[in-house]
N, C-alpha and C. Protein backbone atom coordinates (compact mmCIF):
# COMPACT_ATOMS: atom_id res chain seq x y z
N MET A 1 0.63 -1.13 0.06
CA MET A 1 -0.09 -0.04 -0.05
C MET A 1 1.01 1.31 -0.06
N GLU A 2 0.64 2.28 -0.94
CA GLU A 2 1.21 3.35 -0.99
C GLU A 2 0.18 4.35 -0.44
N LEU A 3 0.67 5.31 0.50
CA LEU A 3 -0.19 6.38 0.90
C LEU A 3 -0.52 7.45 -0.05
N LEU A 4 -1.99 7.79 -0.28
CA LEU A 4 -2.07 9.02 -1.07
C LEU A 4 -1.74 10.28 -0.84
N PRO A 5 -1.50 11.20 -1.56
CA PRO A 5 -0.97 12.48 -1.00
C PRO A 5 -2.19 13.34 -0.57
N ALA A 6 -1.92 14.50 0.13
CA ALA A 6 -2.95 15.32 0.49
C ALA A 6 -3.41 15.92 -0.77
N GLY A 7 -4.95 16.36 -0.66
CA GLY A 7 -5.42 16.74 -2.04
C GLY A 7 -6.20 15.75 -2.71
N SER A 8 -6.04 14.21 -2.43
CA SER A 8 -6.43 13.40 -3.15
C SER A 8 -8.03 13.18 -2.81
N VAL A 9 -8.87 12.86 -3.81
CA VAL A 9 -10.45 12.84 -3.65
C VAL A 9 -10.60 11.46 -3.66
N VAL A 10 -11.46 10.79 -2.69
CA VAL A 10 -11.84 9.42 -2.67
C VAL A 10 -13.16 9.24 -2.33
N THR A 11 -13.74 8.16 -2.80
CA THR A 11 -15.04 7.52 -2.27
C THR A 11 -14.87 6.32 -1.35
N LEU A 12 -15.42 6.31 -0.09
CA LEU A 12 -14.99 4.99 0.68
C LEU A 12 -16.23 4.06 0.35
N LYS A 13 -16.01 2.82 0.68
CA LYS A 13 -16.83 1.85 0.60
C LYS A 13 -18.27 2.00 1.11
N GLY A 14 -19.25 1.93 0.64
CA GLY A 14 -20.64 1.94 1.03
C GLY A 14 -20.95 3.37 1.38
N CYS A 15 -20.21 4.40 0.74
CA CYS A 15 -20.66 5.73 0.85
C CYS A 15 -20.80 6.34 -0.55
N SER A 16 -21.69 7.39 -0.55
CA SER A 16 -21.69 7.86 -2.03
C SER A 16 -21.04 9.40 -2.10
N LYS A 17 -20.90 10.02 -0.80
CA LYS A 17 -20.28 11.40 -0.73
C LYS A 17 -18.61 11.32 -0.81
N ARG A 18 -18.05 12.22 -1.60
CA ARG A 18 -16.59 12.07 -1.89
C ARG A 18 -15.93 12.87 -0.82
N LEU A 19 -14.61 12.44 -0.51
CA LEU A 19 -13.88 13.03 0.65
C LEU A 19 -12.49 13.48 0.05
N MET A 20 -12.08 14.51 0.59
CA MET A 20 -10.69 15.12 0.18
C MET A 20 -9.68 14.91 1.35
N ILE A 21 -8.59 14.23 1.13
CA ILE A 21 -7.56 13.83 1.87
C ILE A 21 -6.83 14.93 2.33
N TYR A 22 -6.60 15.59 3.73
CA TYR A 22 -5.68 16.71 3.83
C TYR A 22 -4.83 16.38 5.00
N SER A 23 -4.60 15.05 5.35
CA SER A 23 -3.52 14.72 6.34
C SER A 23 -3.49 13.17 6.24
N ILE A 24 -2.01 12.63 6.44
CA ILE A 24 -1.92 11.29 6.51
C ILE A 24 -1.29 10.88 7.75
N LEU A 25 -1.47 9.82 8.11
CA LEU A 25 -1.10 9.12 9.38
C LEU A 25 -1.61 9.95 10.62
N GLU A 26 -2.80 10.15 10.72
CA GLU A 26 -3.30 10.91 11.63
C GLU A 26 -3.61 10.15 13.03
N ILE A 27 -3.43 10.82 14.18
CA ILE A 27 -3.64 10.21 15.51
C ILE A 27 -5.12 10.53 15.98
N CYS A 28 -5.92 9.68 16.36
CA CYS A 28 -7.42 9.96 16.95
C CYS A 28 -7.12 10.15 18.33
N GLU A 29 -7.42 11.39 18.77
CA GLU A 29 -7.27 11.50 20.31
C GLU A 29 -8.24 10.55 21.28
N GLU A 30 -9.33 10.37 20.53
CA GLU A 30 -10.16 9.51 21.49
C GLU A 30 -9.66 8.06 21.74
N ASN A 31 -9.05 7.34 20.84
CA ASN A 31 -8.63 6.10 21.01
C ASN A 31 -7.15 5.83 20.75
N GLU A 32 -6.31 6.92 20.50
CA GLU A 32 -4.98 7.04 20.23
C GLU A 32 -4.58 5.92 19.06
N ARG A 33 -5.25 5.76 18.17
CA ARG A 33 -5.12 4.92 16.95
C ARG A 33 -4.45 5.64 15.79
N VAL A 34 -3.74 5.23 15.08
CA VAL A 34 -3.29 5.98 13.94
C VAL A 34 -4.11 5.47 12.67
N TYR A 35 -4.65 6.45 12.04
CA TYR A 35 -5.45 6.22 10.78
C TYR A 35 -4.64 6.61 9.66
N ASP A 36 -4.69 6.01 8.45
CA ASP A 36 -3.79 6.30 7.20
C ASP A 36 -4.29 7.91 7.05
N TYR A 37 -5.50 8.14 6.94
CA TYR A 37 -6.15 9.43 6.42
C TYR A 37 -7.00 10.28 7.36
N LEU A 38 -6.82 11.59 7.15
CA LEU A 38 -7.91 12.37 7.79
C LEU A 38 -8.30 13.30 6.57
N ALA A 39 -9.93 13.36 6.44
CA ALA A 39 -10.25 13.81 5.33
C ALA A 39 -11.49 14.85 5.55
N CYS A 40 -11.94 15.79 4.58
CA CYS A 40 -13.00 16.63 4.84
C CYS A 40 -14.12 16.28 3.64
N LEU A 41 -15.18 16.81 3.67
CA LEU A 41 -16.25 16.77 2.57
C LEU A 41 -15.51 17.42 1.37
N TYR A 42 -16.03 16.69 0.14
CA TYR A 42 -15.63 17.42 -1.08
C TYR A 42 -16.84 17.45 -1.89
N PRO A 43 -17.00 18.74 -2.47
CA PRO A 43 -16.23 19.79 -2.77
C PRO A 43 -16.29 20.89 -1.60
N GLU A 44 -16.97 20.77 -0.53
CA GLU A 44 -17.50 21.74 0.54
C GLU A 44 -16.03 22.24 1.32
N GLY A 45 -15.07 21.28 1.39
CA GLY A 45 -13.84 21.55 2.17
C GLY A 45 -14.14 21.50 3.95
N TYR A 46 -13.27 21.99 4.53
CA TYR A 46 -13.31 21.83 5.93
C TYR A 46 -14.43 22.73 6.54
N TRP A 47 -15.47 22.10 7.21
CA TRP A 47 -16.60 22.79 7.85
C TRP A 47 -16.63 22.65 9.38
N GLY A 48 -15.50 22.19 10.00
CA GLY A 48 -15.46 22.12 11.43
C GLY A 48 -14.98 20.63 11.76
N GLU A 49 -14.52 20.38 13.12
CA GLU A 49 -14.10 19.10 13.39
C GLU A 49 -15.30 18.03 13.39
N GLU A 50 -16.53 18.31 13.39
CA GLU A 50 -17.66 17.38 13.45
C GLU A 50 -17.81 16.72 11.98
N TYR A 51 -17.08 17.37 10.96
CA TYR A 51 -17.03 17.00 9.58
C TYR A 51 -15.84 16.33 9.05
N ASN A 52 -14.90 16.04 9.93
CA ASN A 52 -13.68 15.44 9.71
C ASN A 52 -13.99 13.94 9.65
N PHE A 53 -13.21 13.17 8.83
CA PHE A 53 -13.36 11.70 8.81
C PHE A 53 -12.08 11.04 8.80
N LEU A 54 -11.79 10.12 9.55
CA LEU A 54 -10.68 9.32 9.80
C LEU A 54 -10.96 7.87 9.20
N PHE A 55 -9.91 7.52 8.39
CA PHE A 55 -10.22 6.17 7.70
C PHE A 55 -8.71 5.67 7.33
N ASP A 56 -8.91 4.28 6.92
CA ASP A 56 -7.61 3.74 6.60
C ASP A 56 -7.66 3.44 4.87
N HIS A 57 -6.64 3.09 4.44
CA HIS A 57 -6.49 2.86 2.79
C HIS A 57 -7.55 1.77 2.47
N LYS A 58 -7.62 0.69 3.18
CA LYS A 58 -8.51 -0.25 2.72
C LYS A 58 -9.82 0.08 2.67
N ASP A 59 -10.42 1.10 3.50
CA ASP A 59 -11.67 1.74 3.29
C ASP A 59 -11.96 2.30 2.02
N ILE A 60 -11.03 2.70 1.19
CA ILE A 60 -11.21 3.25 0.05
C ILE A 60 -11.90 2.48 -1.05
N GLU A 61 -12.85 2.69 -1.80
CA GLU A 61 -13.52 2.09 -2.71
C GLU A 61 -12.86 2.55 -4.21
N ARG A 62 -12.85 3.96 -4.17
CA ARG A 62 -12.35 4.42 -5.46
C ARG A 62 -11.48 5.70 -5.29
N VAL A 63 -10.34 5.87 -5.86
CA VAL A 63 -9.88 7.15 -5.93
C VAL A 63 -10.16 7.89 -7.11
N GLU A 64 -10.83 9.00 -6.91
CA GLU A 64 -11.38 10.07 -7.66
C GLU A 64 -10.33 10.80 -8.48
N PHE A 65 -9.27 11.10 -7.49
CA PHE A 65 -8.22 12.21 -8.14
C PHE A 65 -7.07 11.87 -7.18
N THR A 66 -5.86 11.97 -7.57
CA THR A 66 -4.66 11.80 -6.86
C THR A 66 -3.96 13.12 -6.74
N GLY A 67 -3.79 13.53 -5.55
CA GLY A 67 -3.30 14.73 -5.12
C GLY A 67 -1.66 15.02 -5.77
N PHE A 68 -1.46 16.31 -5.53
CA PHE A 68 -0.03 16.46 -6.13
C PHE A 68 1.19 15.78 -5.53
N THR A 69 1.92 15.16 -6.30
CA THR A 69 3.06 14.24 -5.74
C THR A 69 4.26 14.80 -6.55
N ASP A 70 5.47 14.84 -5.72
CA ASP A 70 6.62 15.37 -6.34
C ASP A 70 7.77 14.65 -5.51
N PRO A 71 8.99 14.83 -5.76
CA PRO A 71 10.12 14.15 -5.17
C PRO A 71 10.03 14.26 -3.52
N GLU A 72 9.55 15.48 -3.07
CA GLU A 72 9.61 15.89 -1.81
C GLU A 72 8.61 14.93 -0.96
N PHE A 73 7.36 14.88 -1.74
CA PHE A 73 6.25 13.89 -1.05
C PHE A 73 6.70 12.61 -1.04
N GLN A 74 7.27 12.11 -2.14
CA GLN A 74 7.74 10.69 -2.36
C GLN A 74 8.74 10.27 -1.34
N GLN A 75 9.73 11.12 -1.06
CA GLN A 75 10.58 10.92 0.01
C GLN A 75 9.98 10.89 1.44
N PHE A 76 9.05 12.06 1.45
CA PHE A 76 8.28 11.87 2.94
C PHE A 76 7.66 10.58 3.09
N ARG A 77 7.04 10.26 2.11
CA ARG A 77 6.11 8.89 2.27
C ARG A 77 6.84 7.72 2.44
N GLU A 78 7.98 7.51 1.78
CA GLU A 78 8.87 6.51 1.91
C GLU A 78 9.47 6.37 3.45
N LYS A 79 9.99 7.74 3.94
CA LYS A 79 10.46 7.68 5.20
C LYS A 79 9.54 7.20 6.26
N VAL A 80 8.44 7.90 6.20
CA VAL A 80 7.21 7.61 7.06
C VAL A 80 6.66 6.24 7.06
N MET A 81 6.63 5.59 6.00
CA MET A 81 6.10 4.41 5.87
C MET A 81 7.25 3.39 6.47
N LYS A 82 8.61 3.47 6.04
CA LYS A 82 9.59 2.62 6.31
C LYS A 82 9.80 2.80 8.15
N GLU A 83 9.68 4.03 8.60
CA GLU A 83 9.77 4.23 10.12
C GLU A 83 8.60 3.44 10.79
N PHE A 84 7.43 3.72 10.25
CA PHE A 84 6.22 3.17 10.70
C PHE A 84 6.19 1.63 10.72
N LYS A 85 6.53 1.00 9.71
CA LYS A 85 6.77 -0.48 9.53
C LYS A 85 7.79 -1.06 10.73
N GLU A 86 8.87 -0.39 10.81
CA GLU A 86 9.87 -0.82 11.67
C GLU A 86 9.39 -0.63 13.15
N ASN A 87 8.82 0.38 13.42
CA ASN A 87 8.53 0.71 14.82
C ASN A 87 7.21 1.35 15.02
N PRO A 88 6.13 0.44 14.86
CA PRO A 88 4.86 1.12 14.85
C PRO A 88 4.42 1.62 16.28
N GLU A 89 4.86 1.30 17.36
CA GLU A 89 4.51 1.90 18.47
C GLU A 89 5.30 3.32 18.73
N ASP A 90 6.75 3.09 18.52
CA ASP A 90 7.56 4.37 18.48
C ASP A 90 7.00 5.52 17.57
N GLU A 91 6.75 4.96 16.41
CA GLU A 91 6.25 6.17 15.38
C GLU A 91 4.87 6.89 15.87
N GLN A 92 3.98 6.18 16.62
CA GLN A 92 2.66 6.86 17.14
C GLN A 92 3.17 7.77 18.01
N GLU A 93 4.06 7.48 19.06
CA GLU A 93 4.55 8.48 20.07
C GLU A 93 5.38 9.63 19.28
N GLU A 94 6.04 9.42 18.29
CA GLU A 94 6.79 10.40 17.70
C GLU A 94 5.73 11.30 16.85
N LEU A 95 4.85 10.78 16.07
CA LEU A 95 3.87 11.42 15.53
C LEU A 95 3.13 12.42 16.44
N GLU A 96 2.88 11.86 17.54
CA GLU A 96 2.30 12.60 18.54
C GLU A 96 3.00 13.78 19.02
N ASP A 97 4.33 13.54 19.19
CA ASP A 97 5.12 14.67 19.72
C ASP A 97 5.39 15.60 18.82
N GLU A 98 5.28 15.33 17.48
CA GLU A 98 5.52 16.52 16.54
C GLU A 98 4.34 17.38 16.28
N LYS A 99 3.04 16.97 16.66
CA LYS A 99 1.82 17.81 16.47
C LYS A 99 1.85 18.82 17.48
């Protein structure tokens, strides 16, 4: 699995409303679980926390649009995925500290 970049628009399984990803590897404060993505409604955009959606890559039914990628994003994605696979618990703590 390769994480999608911010700006990607997706449809989740069992849903008809499209979402736009604006953050990857987001920690949910309620259960301290790391989700692959944080998204908002598309085309509406961010309307407040009550309209945020946390989900994993496996929940995506269809990618409608892939956001901007460049060498900087590719390097970031590779680094994050490598570190997360090697140290899933440590990475959660590190991600939390960076926010």
